[in-house]
Amino acid sequence: MNWLGLDEDDKCAIFIDGANLYKTARTLGFDIDYKTLLSKTRSESRLIRAYYYTAMQEDRDQDYSPLRPLVDWLDYNGYTMVTKLAREFTDSQGKKRFKGSTDIELAVDLMTLSDTLDAAVIFTGNGDFRYAIEAVQARGVKVILVSTVKTSPPMAGDDIRRQADHFIDLVDIQNVIGRKGAPPRKEASYDDDFEDEFAD
């Protein structure tokens, strides 16, 4: 059994809720090493696919998203990218915000692949996925959830943690997939990054 709780014969797929994982890792104060995450999972299981889901905030003035470099790197380095353009709107306080979610896409892909998987590794704390997790478990898929309860408030709710077959706290695998040599980050508040301008 390896660091993700997978057996070497497990046919598995990784599903990364990009905004949720980014926010979780940032709050914990470290960066994810996506190259190591992919290579270690490939070497220790029968990895079929690794998905990364995110809404893209395009700046109308510059036609550029701050996420673009990460998305392009992941796309060229073994990840299947699922992106959606976020819609810009102004909230009741007059602040520019963006509305975009790839939750449906993740849930559909999880269901679609379930017949070919022994295990699904889902990087999210979003409780909205609980029902999709339950559905694939009914098809015999082992679900490993990766998030954290070591923030205040916890990023993973009790209901989704209980539903998963195995819960791994991101803090406990930081030494495996934390980016080496990166300067330590101060613990960030949720409102200091563009990711937090998104509304579901």
N, C-alpha and C. Protein backbone atom coordinates (compact mmCIF):
# COMPACT_ATOMS: atom_id res chain seq x y z
N MET A 1 0.85 -1.19 0.00
CA MET A 1 0.00 0.00 0.00
C MET A 1 0.89 1.25 0.00
N ASN A 2 0.62 2.22 -0.90
CA ASN A 2 1.50 3.38 -1.01
C ASN A 2 0.95 4.61 -0.28
N TRP A 3 1.56 5.72 -0.53
CA TRP A 3 1.23 6.96 0.19
C TRP A 3 -0.20 7.43 -0.03
N LEU A 4 -0.84 7.01 -1.12
CA LEU A 4 -2.23 7.37 -1.37
C LEU A 4 -3.21 6.26 -0.97
N GLY A 5 -2.69 5.20 -0.39
CA GLY A 5 -3.57 4.11 -0.01
C GLY A 5 -3.98 3.24 -1.17
N LEU A 6 -3.17 3.24 -2.24
CA LEU A 6 -3.45 2.43 -3.43
C LEU A 6 -2.60 1.18 -3.43
N ASP A 7 -3.14 0.11 -3.99
CA ASP A 7 -2.34 -1.09 -4.25
C ASP A 7 -1.72 -0.95 -5.63
N GLU A 8 -0.59 -1.61 -5.85
CA GLU A 8 0.12 -1.44 -7.12
C GLU A 8 -0.68 -1.95 -8.31
N ASP A 9 -1.64 -2.84 -8.08
CA ASP A 9 -2.47 -3.35 -9.18
C ASP A 9 -3.73 -2.52 -9.40
N ASP A 10 -3.97 -1.53 -8.56
CA ASP A 10 -5.19 -0.72 -8.69
C ASP A 10 -5.17 0.10 -9.98
N LYS A 11 -6.20 -0.06 -10.80
CA LYS A 11 -6.41 0.86 -11.91
C LYS A 11 -7.08 2.09 -11.31
N CYS A 12 -6.42 3.23 -11.43
CA CYS A 12 -6.94 4.41 -10.74
C CYS A 12 -6.91 5.63 -11.65
N ALA A 13 -7.65 6.63 -11.24
CA ALA A 13 -7.61 7.94 -11.89
C ALA A 13 -7.60 9.01 -10.80
N ILE A 14 -6.96 10.12 -11.12
CA ILE A 14 -6.88 11.27 -10.21
C ILE A 14 -7.84 12.34 -10.72
N PHE A 15 -8.61 12.91 -9.82
CA PHE A 15 -9.53 13.99 -10.15
C PHE A 15 -9.20 15.16 -9.23
N ILE A 16 -8.68 16.25 -9.81
CA ILE A 16 -8.27 17.41 -9.01
C ILE A 16 -9.23 18.57 -9.21
N ASP A 17 -9.91 18.94 -8.14
CA ASP A 17 -10.73 20.14 -8.11
C ASP A 17 -9.74 21.30 -7.93
N GLY A 18 -9.34 21.90 -9.04
CA GLY A 18 -8.22 22.84 -9.04
C GLY A 18 -8.35 23.99 -8.08
N ALA A 19 -9.47 24.69 -8.10
CA ALA A 19 -9.65 25.85 -7.23
C ALA A 19 -9.62 25.43 -5.77
N ASN A 20 -10.26 24.30 -5.46
CA ASN A 20 -10.32 23.83 -4.08
C ASN A 20 -8.94 23.41 -3.57
N LEU A 21 -8.18 22.67 -4.39
CA LEU A 21 -6.85 22.24 -3.97
C LEU A 21 -5.90 23.43 -3.85
N TYR A 22 -5.99 24.35 -4.79
CA TYR A 22 -5.13 25.54 -4.73
C TYR A 22 -5.37 26.31 -3.43
N LYS A 23 -6.63 26.52 -3.12
CA LYS A 23 -6.99 27.27 -1.92
C LYS A 23 -6.55 26.52 -0.65
N THR A 24 -6.70 25.21 -0.66
CA THR A 24 -6.32 24.40 0.50
C THR A 24 -4.82 24.44 0.73
N ALA A 25 -4.04 24.19 -0.33
CA ALA A 25 -2.59 24.20 -0.20
C ALA A 25 -2.07 25.58 0.19
N ARG A 26 -2.67 26.62 -0.39
CA ARG A 26 -2.25 27.99 -0.08
C ARG A 26 -2.53 28.32 1.39
N THR A 27 -3.66 27.89 1.87
CA THR A 27 -4.00 28.13 3.27
C THR A 27 -3.04 27.39 4.21
N LEU A 28 -2.61 26.21 3.78
CA LEU A 28 -1.64 25.44 4.57
C LEU A 28 -0.22 25.96 4.41
N GLY A 29 0.01 26.78 3.38
CA GLY A 29 1.31 27.44 3.23
C GLY A 29 2.33 26.71 2.39
N PHE A 30 1.87 25.88 1.43
CA PHE A 30 2.85 25.25 0.53
C PHE A 30 2.27 25.10 -0.87
N ASP A 31 3.17 24.82 -1.84
CA ASP A 31 2.79 24.62 -3.23
C ASP A 31 2.79 23.13 -3.54
N ILE A 32 1.90 22.71 -4.42
CA ILE A 32 1.85 21.33 -4.86
C ILE A 32 2.87 21.11 -5.98
N ASP A 33 3.63 20.02 -5.87
CA ASP A 33 4.54 19.61 -6.94
C ASP A 33 3.76 18.62 -7.81
N TYR A 34 3.14 19.13 -8.88
CA TYR A 34 2.27 18.30 -9.71
C TYR A 34 3.04 17.24 -10.48
N LYS A 35 4.29 17.52 -10.79
CA LYS A 35 5.12 16.53 -11.50
C LYS A 35 5.36 15.31 -10.62
N THR A 36 5.71 15.55 -9.35
CA THR A 36 5.94 14.45 -8.41
C THR A 36 4.65 13.70 -8.12
N LEU A 37 3.56 14.44 -7.97
CA LEU A 37 2.26 13.81 -7.72
C LEU A 37 1.94 12.80 -8.83
N LEU A 38 2.14 13.19 -10.06
CA LEU A 38 1.84 12.32 -11.19
C LEU A 38 2.82 11.14 -11.27
N SER A 39 4.11 11.42 -11.16
CA SER A 39 5.11 10.36 -11.33
C SER A 39 5.04 9.32 -10.23
N LYS A 40 4.81 9.76 -9.00
CA LYS A 40 4.72 8.80 -7.89
C LYS A 40 3.47 7.94 -8.01
N THR A 41 2.36 8.53 -8.42
CA THR A 41 1.14 7.75 -8.57
C THR A 41 1.29 6.75 -9.71
N ARG A 42 1.94 7.17 -10.80
CA ARG A 42 2.19 6.27 -11.94
C ARG A 42 3.08 5.10 -11.54
N SER A 43 4.07 5.37 -10.71
CA SER A 43 5.03 4.32 -10.36
C SER A 43 4.48 3.34 -9.33
N GLU A 44 3.41 3.74 -8.62
CA GLU A 44 2.92 2.92 -7.52
C GLU A 44 1.51 2.37 -7.74
N SER A 45 0.97 2.59 -8.95
CA SER A 45 -0.36 2.05 -9.27
C SER A 45 -0.49 2.01 -10.80
N ARG A 46 -1.64 1.56 -11.27
CA ARG A 46 -1.89 1.56 -12.72
C ARG A 46 -2.75 2.79 -13.03
N LEU A 47 -2.08 3.93 -13.13
CA LEU A 47 -2.78 5.19 -13.35
C LEU A 47 -3.30 5.27 -14.78
N ILE A 48 -4.59 5.46 -14.91
CA ILE A 48 -5.22 5.57 -16.23
C ILE A 48 -5.23 7.01 -16.71
N ARG A 49 -5.59 7.93 -15.83
CA ARG A 49 -5.68 9.33 -16.23
C ARG A 49 -5.64 10.23 -15.00
N ALA A 50 -5.12 11.44 -15.19
CA ALA A 50 -5.11 12.45 -14.14
C ALA A 50 -5.80 13.70 -14.69
N TYR A 51 -6.92 14.05 -14.11
CA TYR A 51 -7.70 15.21 -14.55
C TYR A 51 -7.45 16.40 -13.62
N TYR A 52 -7.44 17.58 -14.22
CA TYR A 52 -7.37 18.83 -13.45
C TYR A 52 -8.50 19.73 -13.95
N TYR A 53 -9.36 20.16 -13.04
CA TYR A 53 -10.55 20.95 -13.38
C TYR A 53 -10.41 22.36 -12.84
N THR A 54 -10.68 23.34 -13.69
CA THR A 54 -10.67 24.72 -13.20
C THR A 54 -11.47 25.65 -14.11
N ALA A 55 -12.07 26.64 -13.51
CA ALA A 55 -12.66 27.74 -14.28
C ALA A 55 -11.53 28.73 -14.58
N MET A 56 -11.58 29.35 -15.75
CA MET A 56 -10.53 30.29 -16.16
C MET A 56 -11.07 31.71 -16.14
N GLN A 57 -10.39 32.55 -15.42
CA GLN A 57 -10.75 33.97 -15.39
C GLN A 57 -9.95 34.69 -16.47
N GLU A 58 -10.61 35.08 -17.53
CA GLU A 58 -9.93 35.82 -18.59
C GLU A 58 -10.12 37.32 -18.36
N ASP A 59 -9.03 38.05 -18.41
CA ASP A 59 -9.09 39.50 -18.27
C ASP A 59 -9.49 40.10 -19.63
N ARG A 60 -10.61 40.77 -19.66
CA ARG A 60 -11.11 41.31 -20.94
C ARG A 60 -10.16 42.34 -21.54
N ASP A 61 -9.44 43.03 -20.68
CA ASP A 61 -8.53 44.05 -21.18
C ASP A 61 -7.24 43.44 -21.74
N GLN A 62 -6.78 42.33 -21.12
CA GLN A 62 -5.51 41.76 -21.53
C GLN A 62 -5.66 40.41 -22.22
N ASP A 63 -6.87 39.84 -22.24
CA ASP A 63 -7.11 38.51 -22.80
C ASP A 63 -6.13 37.51 -22.20
N TYR A 64 -6.01 37.55 -20.88
CA TYR A 64 -5.03 36.71 -20.18
C TYR A 64 -5.60 36.27 -18.84
N SER A 65 -5.33 35.03 -18.49
CA SER A 65 -5.72 34.52 -17.19
C SER A 65 -4.48 34.26 -16.35
N PRO A 66 -4.48 34.63 -15.07
CA PRO A 66 -3.33 34.33 -14.21
C PRO A 66 -3.08 32.82 -14.08
N LEU A 67 -4.09 32.01 -14.37
CA LEU A 67 -3.95 30.56 -14.29
C LEU A 67 -3.30 29.95 -15.53
N ARG A 68 -3.21 30.72 -16.61
CA ARG A 68 -2.78 30.17 -17.90
C ARG A 68 -1.44 29.44 -17.84
N PRO A 69 -0.39 29.97 -17.19
CA PRO A 69 0.89 29.24 -17.17
C PRO A 69 0.76 27.86 -16.52
N LEU A 70 0.04 27.76 -15.39
CA LEU A 70 -0.15 26.47 -14.73
C LEU A 70 -0.94 25.51 -15.62
N VAL A 71 -2.03 26.00 -16.20
CA VAL A 71 -2.88 25.17 -17.06
C VAL A 71 -2.08 24.64 -18.25
N ASP A 72 -1.29 25.51 -18.87
CA ASP A 72 -0.49 25.08 -20.02
C ASP A 72 0.56 24.05 -19.61
N TRP A 73 1.22 24.28 -18.46
CA TRP A 73 2.25 23.34 -18.00
C TRP A 73 1.62 21.97 -17.72
N LEU A 74 0.51 21.95 -17.01
CA LEU A 74 -0.16 20.68 -16.69
C LEU A 74 -0.58 19.95 -17.97
N ASP A 75 -1.09 20.71 -18.93
CA ASP A 75 -1.56 20.14 -20.18
C ASP A 75 -0.42 19.45 -20.95
N TYR A 76 0.78 20.03 -20.88
CA TYR A 76 1.94 19.47 -21.59
C TYR A 76 2.66 18.39 -20.78
N ASN A 77 2.25 18.21 -19.53
CA ASN A 77 2.98 17.29 -18.65
C ASN A 77 2.11 16.19 -18.06
N GLY A 78 1.18 15.69 -18.87
CA GLY A 78 0.50 14.46 -18.51
C GLY A 78 -0.88 14.58 -17.90
N TYR A 79 -1.36 15.81 -17.68
CA TYR A 79 -2.69 15.98 -17.10
C TYR A 79 -3.73 16.23 -18.20
N THR A 80 -4.92 15.72 -17.99
CA THR A 80 -6.04 16.02 -18.86
C THR A 80 -6.75 17.24 -18.28
N MET A 81 -6.72 18.35 -19.03
CA MET A 81 -7.26 19.60 -18.52
C MET A 81 -8.73 19.74 -18.89
N VAL A 82 -9.53 20.11 -17.91
CA VAL A 82 -10.95 20.41 -18.14
C VAL A 82 -11.17 21.83 -17.63
N THR A 83 -11.35 22.76 -18.56
CA THR A 83 -11.47 24.17 -18.18
C THR A 83 -12.80 24.75 -18.68
N LYS A 84 -13.19 25.82 -18.03
CA LYS A 84 -14.42 26.52 -18.40
C LYS A 84 -14.17 28.01 -18.19
N LEU A 85 -14.65 28.81 -19.12
CA LEU A 85 -14.47 30.26 -18.98
C LEU A 85 -15.44 30.78 -17.94
N ALA A 86 -14.92 31.50 -16.96
CA ALA A 86 -15.76 32.08 -15.92
C ALA A 86 -16.42 33.36 -16.41
N ARG A 87 -17.67 33.55 -16.00
CA ARG A 87 -18.40 34.76 -16.38
C ARG A 87 -18.16 35.84 -15.35
N GLU A 88 -17.87 37.03 -15.86
CA GLU A 88 -17.64 38.18 -14.98
C GLU A 88 -18.97 38.84 -14.61
N PHE A 89 -19.10 39.23 -13.34
CA PHE A 89 -20.27 39.98 -12.91
C PHE A 89 -19.88 40.90 -11.75
N THR A 90 -20.75 41.81 -11.42
CA THR A 90 -20.50 42.74 -10.31
C THR A 90 -21.45 42.40 -9.17
N ASP A 91 -20.90 42.22 -7.97
CA ASP A 91 -21.74 41.84 -6.83
C ASP A 91 -22.45 43.05 -6.25
N SER A 92 -23.22 42.83 -5.19
CA SER A 92 -24.05 43.90 -4.61
C SER A 92 -23.21 45.03 -4.00
N GLN A 93 -21.94 44.75 -3.71
CA GLN A 93 -21.05 45.80 -3.18
C GLN A 93 -20.28 46.50 -4.30
N GLY A 94 -20.57 46.14 -5.55
CA GLY A 94 -19.90 46.76 -6.68
C GLY A 94 -18.54 46.17 -7.00
N LYS A 95 -18.23 45.02 -6.39
CA LYS A 95 -16.94 44.38 -6.61
C LYS A 95 -17.02 43.42 -7.79
N LYS A 96 -15.98 43.45 -8.65
CA LYS A 96 -15.93 42.54 -9.80
C LYS A 96 -15.65 41.12 -9.31
N ARG A 97 -16.51 40.19 -9.73
CA ARG A 97 -16.35 38.79 -9.36
C ARG A 97 -16.56 37.91 -10.59
N PHE A 98 -16.26 36.63 -10.42
CA PHE A 98 -16.38 35.70 -11.54
C PHE A 98 -17.18 34.48 -11.10
N LYS A 99 -18.02 34.01 -12.00
CA LYS A 99 -18.84 32.86 -11.70
C LYS A 99 -18.43 31.72 -12.63
N GLY A 100 -17.98 30.63 -12.04
CA GLY A 100 -17.57 29.49 -12.86
C GLY A 100 -17.27 28.29 -11.99
N SER A 101 -17.76 27.15 -12.38
CA SER A 101 -17.54 25.93 -11.62
C SER A 101 -17.41 24.76 -12.59
N THR A 102 -16.51 23.84 -12.28
CA THR A 102 -16.35 22.63 -13.09
C THR A 102 -16.79 21.40 -12.29
N ASP A 103 -17.63 21.60 -11.30
CA ASP A 103 -18.10 20.48 -10.46
C ASP A 103 -18.84 19.43 -11.27
N ILE A 104 -19.70 19.88 -12.18
CA ILE A 104 -20.48 18.93 -12.98
C ILE A 104 -19.55 18.10 -13.86
N GLU A 105 -18.56 18.75 -14.46
CA GLU A 105 -17.63 18.04 -15.33
C GLU A 105 -16.87 16.96 -14.55
N LEU A 106 -16.42 17.30 -13.34
CA LEU A 106 -15.71 16.32 -12.52
C LEU A 106 -16.62 15.14 -12.19
N ALA A 107 -17.84 15.43 -11.76
CA ALA A 107 -18.78 14.36 -11.38
C ALA A 107 -19.09 13.46 -12.57
N VAL A 108 -19.28 14.04 -13.75
CA VAL A 108 -19.60 13.25 -14.95
C VAL A 108 -18.42 12.37 -15.33
N ASP A 109 -17.20 12.92 -15.33
CA ASP A 109 -16.02 12.12 -15.67
C ASP A 109 -15.81 10.99 -14.66
N LEU A 110 -16.04 11.27 -13.39
CA LEU A 110 -15.93 10.26 -12.35
C LEU A 110 -16.89 9.10 -12.63
N MET A 111 -18.12 9.42 -12.96
CA MET A 111 -19.11 8.40 -13.28
C MET A 111 -18.75 7.65 -14.57
N THR A 112 -18.31 8.39 -15.59
CA THR A 112 -18.00 7.78 -16.88
C THR A 112 -16.86 6.78 -16.78
N LEU A 113 -15.85 7.09 -15.99
CA LEU A 113 -14.69 6.21 -15.87
C LEU A 113 -14.89 5.10 -14.85
N SER A 114 -15.93 5.17 -14.05
CA SER A 114 -16.06 4.28 -12.90
C SER A 114 -16.04 2.79 -13.27
N ASP A 115 -16.54 2.44 -14.44
CA ASP A 115 -16.57 1.03 -14.85
C ASP A 115 -15.17 0.48 -15.14
N THR A 116 -14.20 1.36 -15.34
CA THR A 116 -12.84 0.90 -15.67
C THR A 116 -11.87 1.08 -14.51
N LEU A 117 -12.35 1.55 -13.37
CA LEU A 117 -11.46 1.88 -12.24
C LEU A 117 -11.63 0.93 -11.06
N ASP A 118 -10.52 0.72 -10.36
CA ASP A 118 -10.56 0.10 -9.04
C ASP A 118 -10.62 1.18 -7.97
N ALA A 119 -10.01 2.34 -8.26
CA ALA A 119 -9.93 3.41 -7.27
C ALA A 119 -9.95 4.77 -7.94
N ALA A 120 -10.54 5.73 -7.24
CA ALA A 120 -10.55 7.13 -7.68
C ALA A 120 -9.96 7.97 -6.56
N VAL A 121 -8.97 8.79 -6.90
CA VAL A 121 -8.35 9.70 -5.94
C VAL A 121 -8.87 11.09 -6.25
N ILE A 122 -9.61 11.68 -5.31
CA ILE A 122 -10.24 12.97 -5.56
C ILE A 122 -9.65 14.01 -4.62
N PHE A 123 -9.05 15.03 -5.20
CA PHE A 123 -8.47 16.13 -4.42
C PHE A 123 -9.52 17.23 -4.31
N THR A 124 -10.29 17.20 -3.24
CA THR A 124 -11.29 18.23 -2.97
C THR A 124 -11.81 18.07 -1.54
N GLY A 125 -12.37 19.15 -1.02
CA GLY A 125 -13.08 19.07 0.25
C GLY A 125 -14.54 19.45 0.07
N ASN A 126 -14.93 19.64 -1.18
CA ASN A 126 -16.27 20.12 -1.52
C ASN A 126 -17.31 19.04 -1.27
N GLY A 127 -18.18 19.28 -0.30
CA GLY A 127 -19.20 18.32 0.07
C GLY A 127 -20.22 18.05 -1.02
N ASP A 128 -20.28 18.89 -2.04
CA ASP A 128 -21.23 18.67 -3.14
C ASP A 128 -20.93 17.37 -3.90
N PHE A 129 -19.72 16.85 -3.76
CA PHE A 129 -19.36 15.62 -4.46
C PHE A 129 -19.76 14.34 -3.71
N ARG A 130 -20.34 14.48 -2.53
CA ARG A 130 -20.65 13.31 -1.73
C ARG A 130 -21.54 12.31 -2.47
N TYR A 131 -22.56 12.79 -3.15
CA TYR A 131 -23.49 11.90 -3.83
C TYR A 131 -22.83 11.18 -5.01
N ALA A 132 -21.97 11.89 -5.74
CA ALA A 132 -21.24 11.27 -6.85
C ALA A 132 -20.30 10.19 -6.32
N ILE A 133 -19.66 10.46 -5.19
CA ILE A 133 -18.78 9.47 -4.57
C ILE A 133 -19.57 8.22 -4.18
N GLU A 134 -20.71 8.43 -3.57
CA GLU A 134 -21.57 7.31 -3.18
C GLU A 134 -21.97 6.48 -4.40
N ALA A 135 -22.27 7.16 -5.50
CA ALA A 135 -22.70 6.47 -6.72
C ALA A 135 -21.60 5.58 -7.30
N VAL A 136 -20.35 6.06 -7.33
CA VAL A 136 -19.28 5.23 -7.89
C VAL A 136 -18.86 4.13 -6.92
N GLN A 137 -19.01 4.38 -5.64
CA GLN A 137 -18.75 3.31 -4.67
C GLN A 137 -19.72 2.15 -4.88
N ALA A 138 -20.96 2.47 -5.25
CA ALA A 138 -21.96 1.43 -5.51
C ALA A 138 -21.56 0.57 -6.72
N ARG A 139 -20.68 1.10 -7.56
CA ARG A 139 -20.17 0.35 -8.71
C ARG A 139 -18.87 -0.37 -8.40
N GLY A 140 -18.46 -0.33 -7.15
CA GLY A 140 -17.26 -1.06 -6.72
C GLY A 140 -15.97 -0.28 -6.73
N VAL A 141 -16.05 1.04 -6.90
CA VAL A 141 -14.85 1.86 -6.93
C VAL A 141 -14.49 2.33 -5.52
N LYS A 142 -13.22 2.14 -5.14
CA LYS A 142 -12.71 2.65 -3.87
C LYS A 142 -12.40 4.13 -4.05
N VAL A 143 -12.89 4.98 -3.15
CA VAL A 143 -12.68 6.42 -3.28
C VAL A 143 -11.77 6.92 -2.17
N ILE A 144 -10.67 7.56 -2.58
CA ILE A 144 -9.71 8.16 -1.67
C ILE A 144 -9.85 9.67 -1.80
N LEU A 145 -10.15 10.32 -0.71
CA LEU A 145 -10.36 11.77 -0.70
C LEU A 145 -9.15 12.45 -0.08
N VAL A 146 -8.64 13.50 -0.73
CA VAL A 146 -7.48 14.24 -0.22
C VAL A 146 -7.89 15.70 -0.02
N SER A 147 -7.82 16.15 1.22
CA SER A 147 -8.11 17.55 1.58
C SER A 147 -7.49 17.78 2.95
N THR A 148 -8.07 18.65 3.74
CA THR A 148 -7.54 18.84 5.09
C THR A 148 -8.64 19.23 6.08
N VAL A 149 -8.42 18.81 7.32
CA VAL A 149 -9.27 19.27 8.42
C VAL A 149 -8.44 20.10 9.39
N LYS A 150 -7.21 20.43 8.96
CA LYS A 150 -6.29 21.14 9.85
C LYS A 150 -6.23 22.63 9.57
N THR A 151 -7.29 23.14 8.93
CA THR A 151 -7.46 24.58 8.77
C THR A 151 -8.68 24.98 9.60
N SER A 152 -8.86 26.25 9.78
CA SER A 152 -10.03 26.74 10.50
C SER A 152 -10.76 27.75 9.63
N PRO A 153 -11.97 27.39 9.12
CA PRO A 153 -12.66 26.11 9.32
C PRO A 153 -12.02 25.02 8.46
N PRO A 154 -12.33 23.74 8.75
CA PRO A 154 -11.79 22.65 7.94
C PRO A 154 -12.22 22.78 6.48
N MET A 155 -11.32 22.44 5.55
CA MET A 155 -11.65 22.51 4.13
C MET A 155 -12.52 21.34 3.69
N ALA A 156 -12.46 20.24 4.43
CA ALA A 156 -13.28 19.06 4.10
C ALA A 156 -14.34 18.86 5.16
N GLY A 157 -15.59 18.80 4.72
CA GLY A 157 -16.70 18.60 5.65
C GLY A 157 -16.77 17.17 6.14
N ASP A 158 -17.43 16.98 7.26
CA ASP A 158 -17.54 15.67 7.88
C ASP A 158 -18.28 14.69 6.98
N ASP A 159 -19.30 15.17 6.25
CA ASP A 159 -20.13 14.25 5.45
C ASP A 159 -19.33 13.63 4.31
N ILE A 160 -18.52 14.42 3.62
CA ILE A 160 -17.76 13.87 2.49
C ILE A 160 -16.61 13.00 2.99
N ARG A 161 -16.02 13.34 4.13
CA ARG A 161 -14.96 12.50 4.70
C ARG A 161 -15.50 11.14 5.10
N ARG A 162 -16.68 11.12 5.69
CA ARG A 162 -17.29 9.85 6.09
C ARG A 162 -17.66 9.01 4.87
N GLN A 163 -18.05 9.67 3.79
CA GLN A 163 -18.47 8.93 2.59
C GLN A 163 -17.29 8.24 1.91
N ALA A 164 -16.14 8.88 1.89
CA ALA A 164 -14.96 8.31 1.23
C ALA A 164 -14.52 7.04 1.94
N ASP A 165 -13.90 6.16 1.17
CA ASP A 165 -13.35 4.93 1.77
C ASP A 165 -12.12 5.24 2.59
N HIS A 166 -11.39 6.24 2.16
CA HIS A 166 -10.14 6.58 2.84
C HIS A 166 -9.95 8.10 2.71
N PHE A 167 -9.62 8.75 3.82
CA PHE A 167 -9.37 10.20 3.81
C PHE A 167 -7.91 10.43 4.13
N ILE A 168 -7.25 11.24 3.30
CA ILE A 168 -5.86 11.60 3.53
C ILE A 168 -5.79 13.11 3.74
N ASP A 169 -5.20 13.50 4.86
CA ASP A 169 -5.04 14.93 5.09
C ASP A 169 -3.83 15.43 4.31
N LEU A 170 -4.01 16.51 3.57
CA LEU A 170 -2.95 17.07 2.75
C LEU A 170 -1.69 17.35 3.57
N VAL A 171 -1.87 17.73 4.83
CA VAL A 171 -0.73 18.00 5.70
C VAL A 171 0.16 16.76 5.83
N ASP A 172 -0.47 15.59 5.86
CA ASP A 172 0.28 14.35 6.08
C ASP A 172 1.08 13.90 4.87
N ILE A 173 0.79 14.45 3.69
CA ILE A 173 1.56 14.08 2.48
C ILE A 173 2.30 15.28 1.90
N GLN A 174 2.39 16.35 2.68
CA GLN A 174 3.11 17.54 2.21
C GLN A 174 4.55 17.20 1.88
N ASN A 175 5.17 16.31 2.67
CA ASN A 175 6.57 15.95 2.42
C ASN A 175 6.74 15.13 1.14
N VAL A 176 5.63 14.58 0.63
CA VAL A 176 5.67 13.79 -0.60
C VAL A 176 5.42 14.67 -1.83
N ILE A 177 4.39 15.52 -1.77
CA ILE A 177 4.02 16.31 -2.95
C ILE A 177 4.15 17.82 -2.76
N GLY A 178 4.75 18.25 -1.66
CA GLY A 178 5.05 19.67 -1.50
C GLY A 178 6.22 20.03 -2.39
N ARG A 179 6.16 21.18 -3.02
CA ARG A 179 7.23 21.58 -3.95
C ARG A 179 8.50 21.87 -3.18
N LYS A 180 9.57 21.13 -3.50
CA LYS A 180 10.85 21.29 -2.82
C LYS A 180 11.54 22.57 -3.28
N GLY A 181 12.16 23.26 -2.32
CA GLY A 181 12.91 24.45 -2.66
C GLY A 181 12.08 25.71 -2.80
N ALA A 182 10.75 25.57 -2.66
CA ALA A 182 9.90 26.75 -2.73
C ALA A 182 9.98 27.49 -1.40
N PRO A 183 10.00 28.82 -1.43
CA PRO A 183 10.02 29.55 -0.16
C PRO A 183 8.74 29.27 0.61
N PRO A 184 8.83 29.10 1.93
CA PRO A 184 7.61 28.83 2.70
C PRO A 184 6.65 30.00 2.60
N ARG A 185 5.39 29.69 2.43
CA ARG A 185 4.39 30.75 2.32
C ARG A 185 3.80 31.06 3.68
N LYS A 186 3.48 32.32 3.88
CA LYS A 186 2.72 32.67 5.07
C LYS A 186 1.31 32.11 4.89
N GLU A 187 0.65 31.81 5.98
CA GLU A 187 -0.72 31.34 5.87
C GLU A 187 -1.56 32.46 5.29
N ALA A 188 -2.26 32.15 4.22
CA ALA A 188 -2.97 33.19 3.48
C ALA A 188 -4.44 33.22 3.87
N SER A 189 -4.99 34.40 3.84
CA SER A 189 -6.43 34.51 4.03
C SER A 189 -7.10 34.27 2.69
N TYR A 190 -8.37 33.90 2.72
CA TYR A 190 -9.05 33.51 1.49
C TYR A 190 -9.30 34.67 0.54
N ASP A 191 -9.15 35.90 1.00
CA ASP A 191 -9.53 37.01 0.13
C ASP A 191 -8.35 37.67 -0.57
N ASP A 192 -7.15 37.03 -0.50
CA ASP A 192 -5.99 37.70 -1.10
C ASP A 192 -5.59 37.10 -2.43
N ASP A 193 -6.47 36.37 -3.06
CA ASP A 193 -6.12 35.74 -4.32
C ASP A 193 -7.30 35.73 -5.25
N PHE A 194 -7.00 35.77 -6.56
CA PHE A 194 -8.10 35.87 -7.52
C PHE A 194 -9.01 34.66 -7.47
N GLU A 195 -8.52 33.50 -7.04
CA GLU A 195 -9.37 32.32 -6.96
C GLU A 195 -10.60 32.60 -6.10
N ASP A 196 -10.44 33.48 -5.14
CA ASP A 196 -11.53 33.76 -4.21
C ASP A 196 -12.55 34.73 -4.77
N GLU A 197 -12.31 35.20 -5.98
CA GLU A 197 -13.30 36.04 -6.64
C GLU A 197 -14.36 35.20 -7.34
N PHE A 198 -14.21 33.88 -7.27
CA PHE A 198 -15.18 32.99 -7.91
C PHE A 198 -16.36 32.73 -7.01
N ALA A 199 -17.52 32.67 -7.60
CA ALA A 199 -18.74 32.30 -6.89
C ALA A 199 -19.30 31.06 -7.57
N ASP A 200 -19.69 30.08 -6.79
CA ASP A 200 -20.27 28.86 -7.36
C ASP A 200 -21.66 29.10 -7.88
